Each structure stands twice: as C-alpha cells, then as structure tokens.
Amino acid sequence: MDLDALHRILSEDEAFVRSYDELGDSVALAIHCRTVREEHRITQAELADRAGVSASAVSRFEQLRGATKPVMGAIVRELEPWLRARGVQTEQWMNNAAQPHERPTPGKRRAEVVESVPV
C-alpha cells in the first residue's frame, strides 16, 4: 500500500484527523516560537525561567521531541505579543497554558516541609 492510499484510509478516522491536524499546528507553533525567541535574542534558559518550565522542556518543544500542552501554553504565553505580531493565532494554546510557578530554592523547599509538619 502506498502512502497516499494509507492517508486516504486514515483520513476517514476522526481521531486520526484531529491528531494529524493538531500535530501540524504544534509543528508550526514550535517553529514560530523558536524564530521569535531567536529574533529577540532570548536564550532557551531565559525563556524557560520566564515561562516557569525547564530549559530541557523548551528544547524538547523546539526540537519537536514532545512537549506537554501545559508547557507549550506557558511558552506561548511568554512569547504571545511577538507571536501575535507575526499573525500566529495563540488562543487555543493559551487555554492549555500551565500556570506560572515559582521554582523554590532548596532553602524555601525545606521551610515549606518544616511548616507542613504537624506540631
């Protein structure tokens, strides 16, 4: 079976069509995000810090090696003004955004553990 025939068969499956479309959107989004980040001379580490995700998560997203929707949303949230200026629709990604979180320092983490211990 050739690829065109396989694609025709799979295109009749609604779940496949949704996944296929979402993947295409994810690829385009990753390319736009990386382009914007590089144009504005923001490192992956800086973007990660601003978005509240790990630098490896930004790298995985940009290299299309799998990123969760909350990670993608957090990255989009940080780059949104520049993405919108490029005509990229961001609404669907913003809805999936992880809430920004503060990375606790080891000292803060210890303090939280100590506070959580019942007296």
PDB file of N, CA and C in Angstrom:
ATOM      1  N   MET A   1       0.855  -1.173   0.000  1.00  0.00           N
ATOM      2  CA  MET A   1       0.000   0.000   0.000  1.00  0.00           C
ATOM      3  C   MET A   1       0.902   1.239   0.000  1.00  0.00           C
ATOM      4  N   ASP A   2       0.589   2.194  -0.853  1.00  0.00           N
ATOM      5  CA  ASP A   2       1.395   3.414  -0.887  1.00  0.00           C
ATOM      6  C   ASP A   2       0.899   4.398   0.173  1.00  0.00           C
ATOM      7  N   LEU A   3       1.685   5.424   0.414  1.00  0.00           N
ATOM      8  CA  LEU A   3       1.356   6.379   1.476  1.00  0.00           C
ATOM      9  C   LEU A   3       0.063   7.134   1.200  1.00  0.00           C
ATOM     10  N   ASP A   4      -0.196   7.467  -0.059  1.00  0.00           N
ATOM     11  CA  ASP A   4      -1.434   8.185  -0.372  1.00  0.00           C
ATOM     12  C   ASP A   4      -2.662   7.344  -0.038  1.00  0.00           C
ATOM     13  N   ALA A   5      -2.611   6.060  -0.358  1.00  0.00           N
ATOM     14  CA  ALA A   5      -3.732   5.173  -0.059  1.00  0.00           C
ATOM     15  C   ALA A   5      -3.921   5.051   1.456  1.00  0.00           C
ATOM     16  N   LEU A   6      -2.808   4.906   2.181  1.00  0.00           N
ATOM     17  CA  LEU A   6      -2.879   4.815   3.637  1.00  0.00           C
ATOM     18  C   LEU A   6      -3.465   6.088   4.228  1.00  0.00           C
ATOM     19  N   HIS A   7      -3.038   7.233   3.719  1.00  0.00           N
ATOM     20  CA  HIS A   7      -3.540   8.516   4.212  1.00  0.00           C
ATOM     21  C   HIS A   7      -5.033   8.635   3.937  1.00  0.00           C
ATOM     22  N   ARG A   8      -5.500   8.201   2.774  1.00  0.00           N
ATOM     23  CA  ARG A   8      -6.934   8.249   2.469  1.00  0.00           C
ATOM     24  C   ARG A   8      -7.728   7.394   3.464  1.00  0.00           C
ATOM     25  N   ILE A   9      -7.215   6.222   3.763  1.00  0.00           N
ATOM     26  CA  ILE A   9      -7.897   5.334   4.708  1.00  0.00           C
ATOM     27  C   ILE A   9      -7.939   5.954   6.103  1.00  0.00           C
ATOM     28  N   LEU A  10      -6.783   6.434   6.546  1.00  0.00           N
ATOM     29  CA  LEU A  10      -6.714   7.019   7.885  1.00  0.00           C
ATOM     30  C   LEU A  10      -7.510   8.311   7.992  1.00  0.00           C
ATOM     31  N   SER A  11      -7.653   9.036   6.890  1.00  0.00           N
ATOM     32  CA  SER A  11      -8.387  10.305   6.899  1.00  0.00           C
ATOM     33  C   SER A  11      -9.872  10.114   7.187  1.00  0.00           C
ATOM     34  N   GLU A  12     -10.343   8.888   7.091  1.00  0.00           N
ATOM     35  CA  GLU A  12     -11.740   8.606   7.414  1.00  0.00           C
ATOM     36  C   GLU A  12     -11.946   8.441   8.922  1.00  0.00           C
ATOM     37  N   ASP A  13     -10.869   8.321   9.663  1.00  0.00           N
ATOM     38  CA  ASP A  13     -10.922   8.152  11.114  1.00  0.00           C
ATOM     39  C   ASP A  13     -10.840   9.536  11.767  1.00  0.00           C
ATOM     40  N   GLU A  14     -11.932   9.947  12.442  1.00  0.00           N
ATOM     41  CA  GLU A  14     -11.986  11.289  13.033  1.00  0.00           C
ATOM     42  C   GLU A  14     -10.868  11.537  14.041  1.00  0.00           C
ATOM     43  N   ALA A  15     -10.552  10.545  14.847  1.00  0.00           N
ATOM     44  CA  ALA A  15      -9.482  10.698  15.843  1.00  0.00           C
ATOM     45  C   ALA A  15      -8.144  10.930  15.156  1.00  0.00           C
ATOM     46  N   PHE A  16      -7.897  10.211  14.065  1.00  0.00           N
ATOM     47  CA  PHE A  16      -6.649  10.406  13.316  1.00  0.00           C
ATOM     48  C   PHE A  16      -6.587  11.819  12.750  1.00  0.00           C
ATOM     49  N   VAL A  17      -7.683  12.270  12.168  1.00  0.00           N
ATOM     50  CA  VAL A  17      -7.720  13.603  11.558  1.00  0.00           C
ATOM     51  C   VAL A  17      -7.432  14.670  12.611  1.00  0.00           C
ATOM     52  N   ARG A  18      -8.064  14.562  13.810  1.00  0.00           N
ATOM     53  CA  ARG A  18      -7.817  15.535  14.887  1.00  0.00           C
ATOM     54  C   ARG A  18      -6.349  15.535  15.293  1.00  0.00           C
ATOM     55  N   SER A  19      -5.786  14.341  15.485  1.00  0.00           N
ATOM     56  CA  SER A  19      -4.379  14.237  15.896  1.00  0.00           C
ATOM     57  C   SER A  19      -3.448  14.780  14.817  1.00  0.00           C
ATOM     58  N   TYR A  20      -3.753  14.473  13.578  1.00  0.00           N
ATOM     59  CA  TYR A  20      -2.934  14.923  12.444  1.00  0.00           C
ATOM     60  C   TYR A  20      -2.945  16.449  12.370  1.00  0.00           C
ATOM     61  N   ASP A  21      -4.127  17.045  12.491  1.00  0.00           N
ATOM     62  CA  ASP A  21      -4.238  18.499  12.445  1.00  0.00           C
ATOM     63  C   ASP A  21      -3.525  19.143  13.624  1.00  0.00           C
ATOM     64  N   GLU A  22      -3.688  18.568  14.802  1.00  0.00           N
ATOM     65  CA  GLU A  22      -3.048  19.113  15.996  1.00  0.00           C
ATOM     66  C   GLU A  22      -1.530  19.045  15.885  1.00  0.00           C
ATOM     67  N   LEU A  23      -1.028  17.951  15.342  1.00  0.00           N
ATOM     68  CA  LEU A  23       0.416  17.809  15.163  1.00  0.00           C
ATOM     69  C   LEU A  23       0.943  18.887  14.234  1.00  0.00           C
ATOM     70  N   GLY A  24       0.232  19.116  13.126  1.00  0.00           N
ATOM     71  CA  GLY A  24       0.657  20.162  12.188  1.00  0.00           C
ATOM     72  C   GLY A  24       0.676  21.522  12.848  1.00  0.00           C
ATOM     73  N   ASP A  25      -0.358  21.808  13.658  1.00  0.00           N
ATOM     74  CA  ASP A  25      -0.403  23.078  14.380  1.00  0.00           C
ATOM     75  C   ASP A  25       0.751  23.183  15.373  1.00  0.00           C
ATOM     76  N   SER A  26       1.072  22.071  16.039  1.00  0.00           N
ATOM     77  CA  SER A  26       2.151  22.064  17.027  1.00  0.00           C
ATOM     78  C   SER A  26       3.495  22.324  16.371  1.00  0.00           C
ATOM     79  N   VAL A  27       3.705  21.725  15.204  1.00  0.00           N
ATOM     80  CA  VAL A  27       4.963  21.922  14.481  1.00  0.00           C
ATOM     81  C   VAL A  27       5.101  23.389  14.076  1.00  0.00           C
ATOM     82  N   ALA A  28       4.040  23.941  13.501  1.00  0.00           N
ATOM     83  CA  ALA A  28       4.087  25.349  13.088  1.00  0.00           C
ATOM     84  C   ALA A  28       4.325  26.256  14.289  1.00  0.00           C
ATOM     85  N   LEU A  29       3.657  25.966  15.404  1.00  0.00           N
ATOM     86  CA  LEU A  29       3.831  26.780  16.602  1.00  0.00           C
ATOM     87  C   LEU A  29       5.265  26.719  17.108  1.00  0.00           C
ATOM     88  N   ALA A  30       5.838  25.529  17.153  1.00  0.00           N
ATOM     89  CA  ALA A  30       7.220  25.376  17.625  1.00  0.00           C
ATOM     90  C   ALA A  30       8.183  26.178  16.752  1.00  0.00           C
ATOM     91  N   ILE A  31       7.968  26.143  15.458  1.00  0.00           N
ATOM     92  CA  ILE A  31       8.836  26.892  14.537  1.00  0.00           C
ATOM     93  C   ILE A  31       8.695  28.386  14.781  1.00  0.00           C
ATOM     94  N   HIS A  32       7.458  28.864  14.924  1.00  0.00           N
ATOM     95  CA  HIS A  32       7.239  30.293  15.196  1.00  0.00           C
ATOM     96  C   HIS A  32       7.882  30.699  16.519  1.00  0.00           C
ATOM     97  N   CYS A  33       7.701  29.884  17.549  1.00  0.00           N
ATOM     98  CA  CYS A  33       8.248  30.220  18.868  1.00  0.00           C
ATOM     99  C   CYS A  33       9.769  30.298  18.831  1.00  0.00           C
ATOM    100  N   ARG A  34      10.386  29.337  18.198  1.00  0.00           N
ATOM    101  CA  ARG A  34      11.847  29.358  18.125  1.00  0.00           C
ATOM    102  C   ARG A  34      12.332  30.576  17.344  1.00  0.00           C
ATOM    103  N   THR A  35      11.663  30.879  16.245  1.00  0.00           N
ATOM    104  CA  THR A  35      12.041  32.035  15.430  1.00  0.00           C
ATOM    105  C   THR A  35      11.935  33.325  16.238  1.00  0.00           C
ATOM    106  N   VAL A  36      10.818  33.483  16.944  1.00  0.00           N
ATOM    107  CA  VAL A  36      10.614  34.685  17.770  1.00  0.00           C
ATOM    108  C   VAL A  36      11.669  34.760  18.866  1.00  0.00           C
ATOM    109  N   ARG A  37      11.904  33.632  19.523  1.00  0.00           N
ATOM    110  CA  ARG A  37      12.898  33.620  20.611  1.00  0.00           C
ATOM    111  C   ARG A  37      14.263  34.057  20.083  1.00  0.00           C
ATOM    112  N   GLU A  38      14.656  33.508  18.951  1.00  0.00           N
ATOM    113  CA  GLU A  38      15.966  33.845  18.388  1.00  0.00           C
ATOM    114  C   GLU A  38      16.021  35.286  17.894  1.00  0.00           C
ATOM    115  N   GLU A  39      14.929  35.770  17.277  1.00  0.00           N
ATOM    116  CA  GLU A  39      14.895  37.159  16.809  1.00  0.00           C
ATOM    117  C   GLU A  39      15.082  38.142  17.954  1.00  0.00           C
ATOM    118  N   HIS A  40      14.561  37.796  19.110  1.00  0.00           N
ATOM    119  CA  HIS A  40      14.634  38.692  20.268  1.00  0.00           C
ATOM    120  C   HIS A  40      15.789  38.341  21.199  1.00  0.00           C
ATOM    121  N   ARG A  41      16.649  37.475  20.701  1.00  0.00           N
ATOM    122  CA  ARG A  41      17.871  37.082  21.409  1.00  0.00           C
ATOM    123  C   ARG A  41      17.601  36.625  22.846  1.00  0.00           C
ATOM    124  N   ILE A  42      16.601  35.777  22.965  1.00  0.00           N
ATOM    125  CA  ILE A  42      16.263  35.181  24.257  1.00  0.00           C
ATOM    126  C   ILE A  42      16.794  33.755  24.227  1.00  0.00           C
ATOM    127  N   THR A  43      17.551  33.381  25.233  1.00  0.00           N
ATOM    128  CA  THR A  43      18.069  32.010  25.275  1.00  0.00           C
ATOM    129  C   THR A  43      16.957  31.058  25.719  1.00  0.00           C
ATOM    130  N   GLN A  44      17.168  29.777  25.473  1.00  0.00           N
ATOM    131  CA  GLN A  44      16.205  28.782  25.951  1.00  0.00           C
ATOM    132  C   GLN A  44      16.100  28.840  27.469  1.00  0.00           C
ATOM    133  N   ALA A  45      17.223  29.023  28.134  1.00  0.00           N
ATOM    134  CA  ALA A  45      17.218  29.089  29.602  1.00  0.00           C
ATOM    135  C   ALA A  45      16.425  30.303  30.091  1.00  0.00           C
ATOM    136  N   GLU A  46      16.589  31.454  29.427  1.00  0.00           N
ATOM    137  CA  GLU A  46      15.839  32.653  29.818  1.00  0.00           C
ATOM    138  C   GLU A  46      14.340  32.457  29.598  1.00  0.00           C
ATOM    139  N   LEU A  47      13.984  31.870  28.458  1.00  0.00           N
ATOM    140  CA  LEU A  47      12.574  31.622  28.170  1.00  0.00           C
ATOM    141  C   LEU A  47      11.997  30.646  29.195  1.00  0.00           C
ATOM    142  N   ALA A  48      12.756  29.620  29.502  1.00  0.00           N
ATOM    143  CA  ALA A  48      12.304  28.634  30.487  1.00  0.00           C
ATOM    144  C   ALA A  48      12.043  29.300  31.834  1.00  0.00           C
ATOM    145  N   ASP A  49      12.970  30.154  32.255  1.00  0.00           N
ATOM    146  CA  ASP A  49      12.821  30.840  33.539  1.00  0.00           C
ATOM    147  C   ASP A  49      11.576  31.722  33.537  1.00  0.00           C
ATOM    148  N   ARG A  50      11.371  32.472  32.454  1.00  0.00           N
ATOM    149  CA  ARG A  50      10.198  33.345  32.351  1.00  0.00           C
ATOM    150  C   ARG A  50       8.896  32.551  32.331  1.00  0.00           C
ATOM    151  N   ALA A  51       8.916  31.390  31.657  1.00  0.00           N
ATOM    152  CA  ALA A  51       7.698  30.589  31.491  1.00  0.00           C
ATOM    153  C   ALA A  51       7.440  29.656  32.668  1.00  0.00           C
ATOM    154  N   GLY A  52       8.440  29.502  33.532  1.00  0.00           N
ATOM    155  CA  GLY A  52       8.274  28.618  34.680  1.00  0.00           C
ATOM    156  C   GLY A  52       8.363  27.152  34.311  1.00  0.00           C
ATOM    157  N   VAL A  53       9.137  26.850  33.263  1.00  0.00           N
ATOM    158  CA  VAL A  53       9.347  25.465  32.850  1.00  0.00           C
ATOM    159  C   VAL A  53      10.854  25.215  32.796  1.00  0.00           C
ATOM    160  N   SER A  54      11.250  23.990  32.563  1.00  0.00           N
ATOM    161  CA  SER A  54      12.683  23.692  32.494  1.00  0.00           C
ATOM    162  C   SER A  54      13.241  24.042  31.113  1.00  0.00           C
ATOM    163  N   ALA A  55      14.529  24.303  31.060  1.00  0.00           N
ATOM    164  CA  ALA A  55      15.188  24.575  29.783  1.00  0.00           C
ATOM    165  C   ALA A  55      15.094  23.363  28.866  1.00  0.00           C
ATOM    166  N   SER A  56      15.139  22.165  29.447  1.00  0.00           N
ATOM    167  CA  SER A  56      15.028  20.969  28.617  1.00  0.00           C
ATOM    168  C   SER A  56      13.629  20.864  28.003  1.00  0.00           C
ATOM    169  N   ALA A  57      12.605  21.364  28.698  1.00  0.00           N
ATOM    170  CA  ALA A  57      11.248  21.357  28.141  1.00  0.00           C
ATOM    171  C   ALA A  57      11.158  22.295  26.939  1.00  0.00           C
ATOM    172  N   VAL A  58      11.812  23.453  27.026  1.00  0.00           N
ATOM    173  CA  VAL A  58      11.849  24.385  25.888  1.00  0.00           C
ATOM    174  C   VAL A  58      12.572  23.730  24.726  1.00  0.00           C
ATOM    175  N   SER A  59      13.692  23.104  25.000  1.00  0.00           N
ATOM    176  CA  SER A  59      14.462  22.431  23.960  1.00  0.00           C
ATOM    177  C   SER A  59      13.636  21.331  23.292  1.00  0.00           C
ATOM    178  N   ARG A  60      12.983  20.500  24.095  1.00  0.00           N
ATOM    179  CA  ARG A  60      12.156  19.417  23.535  1.00  0.00           C
ATOM    180  C   ARG A  60      11.047  19.980  22.649  1.00  0.00           C
ATOM    181  N   PHE A  61      10.421  21.053  23.104  1.00  0.00           N
ATOM    182  CA  PHE A  61       9.357  21.697  22.339  1.00  0.00           C
ATOM    183  C   PHE A  61       9.887  22.194  20.992  1.00  0.00           C
ATOM    184  N   GLU A  62      11.003  22.917  21.022  1.00  0.00           N
ATOM    185  CA  GLU A  62      11.556  23.485  19.793  1.00  0.00           C
ATOM    186  C   GLU A  62      12.077  22.425  18.836  1.00  0.00           C
ATOM    187  N   GLN A  63      12.522  21.306  19.368  1.00  0.00           N
ATOM    188  CA  GLN A  63      13.058  20.238  18.525  1.00  0.00           C
ATOM    189  C   GLN A  63      11.999  19.198  18.174  1.00  0.00           C
ATOM    190  N   LEU A  64      10.750  19.488  18.516  1.00  0.00           N
ATOM    191  CA  LEU A  64       9.617  18.615  18.197  1.00  0.00           C
ATOM    192  C   LEU A  64       9.793  17.220  18.776  1.00  0.00           C
ATOM    193  N   ARG A  65      10.369  17.175  19.986  1.00  0.00           N
ATOM    194  CA  ARG A  65      10.581  15.890  20.653  1.00  0.00           C
ATOM    195  C   ARG A  65       9.564  15.669  21.761  1.00  0.00           C
ATOM    196  N   GLY A  66       8.472  16.325  21.645  1.00  0.00           N
ATOM    197  CA  GLY A  66       7.399  16.101  22.610  1.00  0.00           C
ATOM    198  C   GLY A  66       7.415  17.095  23.746  1.00  0.00           C
ATOM    199  N   ALA A  67       6.363  17.839  23.836  1.00  0.00           N
ATOM    200  CA  ALA A  67       6.175  18.765  24.954  1.00  0.00           C
ATOM    201  C   ALA A  67       4.703  18.676  25.326  1.00  0.00           C
ATOM    202  N   THR A  68       4.423  18.762  26.584  1.00  0.00           N
ATOM    203  CA  THR A  68       3.035  18.704  27.028  1.00  0.00           C
ATOM    204  C   THR A  68       2.326  20.004  26.662  1.00  0.00           C
ATOM    205  N   LYS A  69       1.008  19.931  26.580  1.00  0.00           N
ATOM    206  CA  LYS A  69       0.236  21.129  26.258  1.00  0.00           C
ATOM    207  C   LYS A  69       0.443  22.229  27.290  1.00  0.00           C
ATOM    208  N   PRO A  70       0.519  21.914  28.587  1.00  0.00           N
ATOM    209  CA  PRO A  70       0.782  22.994  29.552  1.00  0.00           C
ATOM    210  C   PRO A  70       2.127  23.683  29.321  1.00  0.00           C
ATOM    211  N   VAL A  71       3.151  22.907  28.940  1.00  0.00           N
ATOM    212  CA  VAL A  71       4.468  23.514  28.657  1.00  0.00           C
ATOM    213  C   VAL A  71       4.360  24.396  27.422  1.00  0.00           C
ATOM    214  N   MET A  72       3.717  23.878  26.389  1.00  0.00           N
ATOM    215  CA  MET A  72       3.560  24.667  25.168  1.00  0.00           C
ATOM    216  C   MET A  72       2.809  25.955  25.464  1.00  0.00           C
ATOM    217  N   GLY A  73       1.758  25.853  26.262  1.00  0.00           N
ATOM    218  CA  GLY A  73       0.976  27.030  26.610  1.00  0.00           C
ATOM    219  C   GLY A  73       1.777  28.056  27.387  1.00  0.00           C
ATOM    220  N   ALA A  74       2.611  27.581  28.313  1.00  0.00           N
ATOM    221  CA  ALA A  74       3.438  28.501  29.110  1.00  0.00           C
ATOM    222  C   ALA A  74       4.431  29.245  28.222  1.00  0.00           C
ATOM    223  N   ILE A  75       5.002  28.536  27.250  1.00  0.00           N
ATOM    224  CA  ILE A  75       5.953  29.162  26.320  1.00  0.00           C
ATOM    225  C   ILE A  75       5.226  30.193  25.458  1.00  0.00           C
ATOM    226  N   VAL A  76       4.065  29.822  24.951  1.00  0.00           N
ATOM    227  CA  VAL A  76       3.280  30.733  24.114  1.00  0.00           C
ATOM    228  C   VAL A  76       2.898  31.976  24.901  1.00  0.00           C
ATOM    229  N   ARG A  77       2.511  31.783  26.161  1.00  0.00           N
ATOM    230  CA  ARG A  77       2.119  32.924  26.997  1.00  0.00           C
ATOM    231  C   ARG A  77       3.264  33.946  27.068  1.00  0.00           C
ATOM    232  N   GLU A  78       4.480  33.469  27.207  1.00  0.00           N
ATOM    233  CA  GLU A  78       5.622  34.380  27.309  1.00  0.00           C
ATOM    234  C   GLU A  78       5.936  35.075  25.989  1.00  0.00           C
ATOM    235  N   LEU A  79       5.700  34.400  24.884  1.00  0.00           N
ATOM    236  CA  LEU A  79       6.042  34.961  23.574  1.00  0.00           C
ATOM    237  C   LEU A  79       4.838  35.567  22.856  1.00  0.00           C
ATOM    238  N   GLU A  80       3.686  35.562  23.505  1.00  0.00           N
ATOM    239  CA  GLU A  80       2.429  35.934  22.848  1.00  0.00           C
ATOM    240  C   GLU A  80       2.454  37.256  22.086  1.00  0.00           C
ATOM    241  N   PRO A  81       2.936  38.354  22.652  1.00  0.00           N
ATOM    242  CA  PRO A  81       2.880  39.613  21.890  1.00  0.00           C
ATOM    243  C   PRO A  81       3.625  39.518  20.553  1.00  0.00           C
ATOM    244  N   TRP A  82       4.768  38.861  20.565  1.00  0.00           N
ATOM    245  CA  TRP A  82       5.562  38.735  19.341  1.00  0.00           C
ATOM    246  C   TRP A  82       4.922  37.744  18.375  1.00  0.00           C
ATOM    247  N   LEU A  83       4.323  36.683  18.906  1.00  0.00           N
ATOM    248  CA  LEU A  83       3.643  35.711  18.048  1.00  0.00           C
ATOM    249  C   LEU A  83       2.440  36.362  17.371  1.00  0.00           C
ATOM    250  N   ARG A  84       1.679  37.141  18.140  1.00  0.00           N
ATOM    251  CA  ARG A  84       0.507  37.817  17.569  1.00  0.00           C
ATOM    252  C   ARG A  84       0.939  38.799  16.483  1.00  0.00           C
ATOM    253  N   ALA A  85       2.052  39.482  16.694  1.00  0.00           N
ATOM    254  CA  ALA A  85       2.556  40.421  15.694  1.00  0.00           C
ATOM    255  C   ALA A  85       2.893  39.707  14.386  1.00  0.00           C
ATOM    256  N   ARG A  86       3.219  38.428  14.479  1.00  0.00           N
ATOM    257  CA  ARG A  86       3.514  37.627  13.284  1.00  0.00           C
ATOM    258  C   ARG A  86       2.248  36.993  12.697  1.00  0.00           C
ATOM    259  N   GLY A  87       1.095  37.245  13.328  1.00  0.00           N
ATOM    260  CA  GLY A  87      -0.157  36.700  12.831  1.00  0.00           C
ATOM    261  C   GLY A  87      -0.468  35.288  13.306  1.00  0.00           C
ATOM    262  N   VAL A  88       0.264  34.831  14.326  1.00  0.00           N
ATOM    263  CA  VAL A  88       0.034  33.483  14.853  1.00  0.00           C
ATOM    264  C   VAL A  88      -1.148  33.517  15.809  1.00  0.00           C
ATOM    265  N   GLN A  89      -2.101  32.615  15.597  1.00  0.00           N
ATOM    266  CA  GLN A  89      -3.258  32.502  16.487  1.00  0.00           C
ATOM    267  C   GLN A  89      -2.816  31.780  17.760  1.00  0.00           C
ATOM    268  N   THR A  90      -2.967  32.420  18.900  1.00  0.00           N
ATOM    269  CA  THR A  90      -2.452  31.860  20.144  1.00  0.00           C
ATOM    270  C   THR A  90      -3.529  31.377  21.103  1.00  0.00           C
ATOM    271  N   GLU A  91      -4.791  31.663  20.817  1.00  0.00           N
ATOM    272  CA  GLU A  91      -5.849  31.394  21.786  1.00  0.00           C
ATOM    273  C   GLU A  91      -5.901  29.935  22.223  1.00  0.00           C
ATOM    274  N   GLN A  92      -5.883  29.007  21.264  1.00  0.00           N
ATOM    275  CA  GLN A  92      -6.023  27.599  21.655  1.00  0.00           C
ATOM    276  C   GLN A  92      -4.866  27.156  22.537  1.00  0.00           C
ATOM    277  N   TRP A  93      -3.706  27.729  22.346  1.00  0.00           N
ATOM    278  CA  TRP A  93      -2.544  27.336  23.149  1.00  0.00           C
ATOM    279  C   TRP A  93      -2.592  27.986  24.517  1.00  0.00           C
ATOM    280  N   MET A  94      -3.107  29.207  24.577  1.00  0.00           N
ATOM    281  CA  MET A  94      -3.190  29.902  25.859  1.00  0.00           C
ATOM    282  C   MET A  94      -4.162  29.184  26.793  1.00  0.00           C
ATOM    283  N   ASN A  95      -5.189  28.577  26.232  1.00  0.00           N
ATOM    284  CA  ASN A  95      -6.157  27.847  27.053  1.00  0.00           C
ATOM    285  C   ASN A  95      -5.516  26.644  27.734  1.00  0.00           C
ATOM    286  N   ASN A  96      -4.461  26.119  27.133  1.00  0.00           N
ATOM    287  CA  ASN A  96      -3.788  24.950  27.688  1.00  0.00           C
ATOM    288  C   ASN A  96      -2.604  25.317  28.581  1.00  0.00           C
ATOM    289  N   ALA A  97      -2.365  26.598  28.753  1.00  0.00           N
ATOM    290  CA  ALA A  97      -1.152  27.046  29.434  1.00  0.00           C
ATOM    291  C   ALA A  97      -1.085  26.573  30.877  1.00  0.00           C
ATOM    292  N   ALA A  98       0.083  26.133  31.239  1.00  0.00           N
ATOM    293  CA  ALA A  98       0.346  25.842  32.642  1.00  0.00           C
ATOM    294  C   ALA A  98       0.385  27.173  33.381  1.00  0.00           C
ATOM    295  N   GLN A  99      -0.009  27.157  34.594  1.00  0.00           N
ATOM    296  CA  GLN A  99       0.092  28.365  35.390  1.00  0.00           C
ATOM    297  C   GLN A  99       1.552  28.567  35.768  1.00  0.00           C
ATOM    298  N   PRO A 100       2.022  29.811  35.700  1.00  0.00           N
ATOM    299  CA  PRO A 100       3.417  30.033  36.065  1.00  0.00           C
ATOM    300  C   PRO A 100       3.649  29.592  37.503  1.00  0.00           C
ATOM    301  N   HIS A 101       4.788  29.033  37.737  1.00  0.00           N
ATOM    302  CA  HIS A 101       5.095  28.615  39.097  1.00  0.00           C
ATOM    303  C   HIS A 101       6.477  29.114  39.469  1.00  0.00           C
ATOM    304  N   GLU A 102       6.610  29.336  40.729  1.00  0.00           N
ATOM    305  CA  GLU A 102       7.889  29.796  41.248  1.00  0.00           C
ATOM    306  C   GLU A 102       8.734  28.563  41.529  1.00  0.00           C
ATOM    307  N   ARG A 103       9.957  28.577  41.055  1.00  0.00           N
ATOM    308  CA  ARG A 103      10.848  27.463  41.359  1.00  0.00           C
ATOM    309  C   ARG A 103      11.412  27.688  42.753  1.00  0.00           C
ATOM    310  N   PRO A 104      11.032  26.838  43.703  1.00  0.00           N
ATOM    311  CA  PRO A 104      11.511  27.073  45.070  1.00  0.00           C
ATOM    312  C   PRO A 104      13.002  26.776  45.191  1.00  0.00           C
ATOM    313  N   THR A 105      13.635  27.586  45.965  1.00  0.00           N
ATOM    314  CA  THR A 105      15.041  27.327  46.257  1.00  0.00           C
ATOM    315  C   THR A 105      15.094  26.204  47.284  1.00  0.00           C
ATOM    316  N   PRO A 106      16.227  25.518  47.412  1.00  0.00           N
ATOM    317  CA  PRO A 106      16.307  24.450  48.413  1.00  0.00           C
ATOM    318  C   PRO A 106      15.925  24.929  49.811  1.00  0.00           C
ATOM    319  N   GLY A 107      16.356  26.140  50.182  1.00  0.00           N
ATOM    320  CA  GLY A 107      16.013  26.677  51.497  1.00  0.00           C
ATOM    321  C   GLY A 107      14.515  26.882  51.649  1.00  0.00           C
ATOM    322  N   LYS A 108      13.885  27.391  50.617  1.00  0.00           N
ATOM    323  CA  LYS A 108      12.439  27.606  50.673  1.00  0.00           C
ATOM    324  C   LYS A 108      11.719  26.259  50.729  1.00  0.00           C
ATOM    325  N   ARG A 109      12.199  25.304  49.948  1.00  0.00           N
ATOM    326  CA  ARG A 109      11.585  23.979  49.941  1.00  0.00           C
ATOM    327  C   ARG A 109      11.655  23.373  51.336  1.00  0.00           C
ATOM    328  N   ARG A 110      12.811  23.486  52.011  1.00  0.00           N
ATOM    329  CA  ARG A 110      12.950  22.961  53.375  1.00  0.00           C
ATOM    330  C   ARG A 110      11.981  23.659  54.320  1.00  0.00           C
ATOM    331  N   ALA A 111      11.864  24.971  54.171  1.00  0.00           N
ATOM    332  CA  ALA A 111      10.970  25.733  55.042  1.00  0.00           C
ATOM    333  C   ALA A 111       9.523  25.264  54.852  1.00  0.00           C
ATOM    334  N   GLU A 112       9.138  24.998  53.597  1.00  0.00           N
ATOM    335  CA  GLU A 112       7.772  24.535  53.335  1.00  0.00           C
ATOM    336  C   GLU A 112       7.544  23.166  53.971  1.00  0.00           C
ATOM    337  N   VAL A 113       8.534  22.302  53.905  1.00  0.00           N
ATOM    338  CA  VAL A 113       8.406  20.965  54.509  1.00  0.00           C
ATOM    339  C   VAL A 113       8.274  21.101  56.011  1.00  0.00           C
ATOM    340  N   VAL A 114       9.106  21.940  56.612  1.00  0.00           N
ATOM    341  CA  VAL A 114       9.079  22.120  58.070  1.00  0.00           C
ATOM    342  C   VAL A 114       7.720  22.661  58.483  1.00  0.00           C
ATOM    343  N   GLU A 115       7.187  23.646  57.723  1.00  0.00           N
ATOM    344  CA  GLU A 115       5.890  24.232  58.050  1.00  0.00           C
ATOM    345  C   GLU A 115       4.759  23.222  57.927  1.00  0.00           C
ATOM    346  N   SER A 116       4.923  22.235  57.033  1.00  0.00           N
ATOM    347  CA  SER A 116       3.832  21.283  56.800  1.00  0.00           C
ATOM    348  C   SER A 116       3.794  20.161  57.839  1.00  0.00           C
ATOM    349  N   VAL A 117       4.832  20.060  58.672  1.00  0.00           N
ATOM    350  CA  VAL A 117       4.872  19.003  59.688  1.00  0.00           C
ATOM    351  C   VAL A 117       3.978  19.397  60.854  1.00  0.00           C
ATOM    352  N   PRO A 118       3.005  18.525  61.183  1.00  0.00           N
ATOM    353  CA  PRO A 118       2.107  18.871  62.292  1.00  0.00           C
ATOM    354  C   PRO A 118       2.878  18.905  63.615  1.00  0.00           C
ATOM    355  N   VAL A 119       2.496  19.837  64.454  1.00  0.00           N
ATOM    356  CA  VAL A 119       3.167  20.000  65.751  1.00  0.00           C
ATOM    357  C   VAL A 119       2.398  19.300  66.835  1.00  0.00           C
TER     358      VAL A 119
END
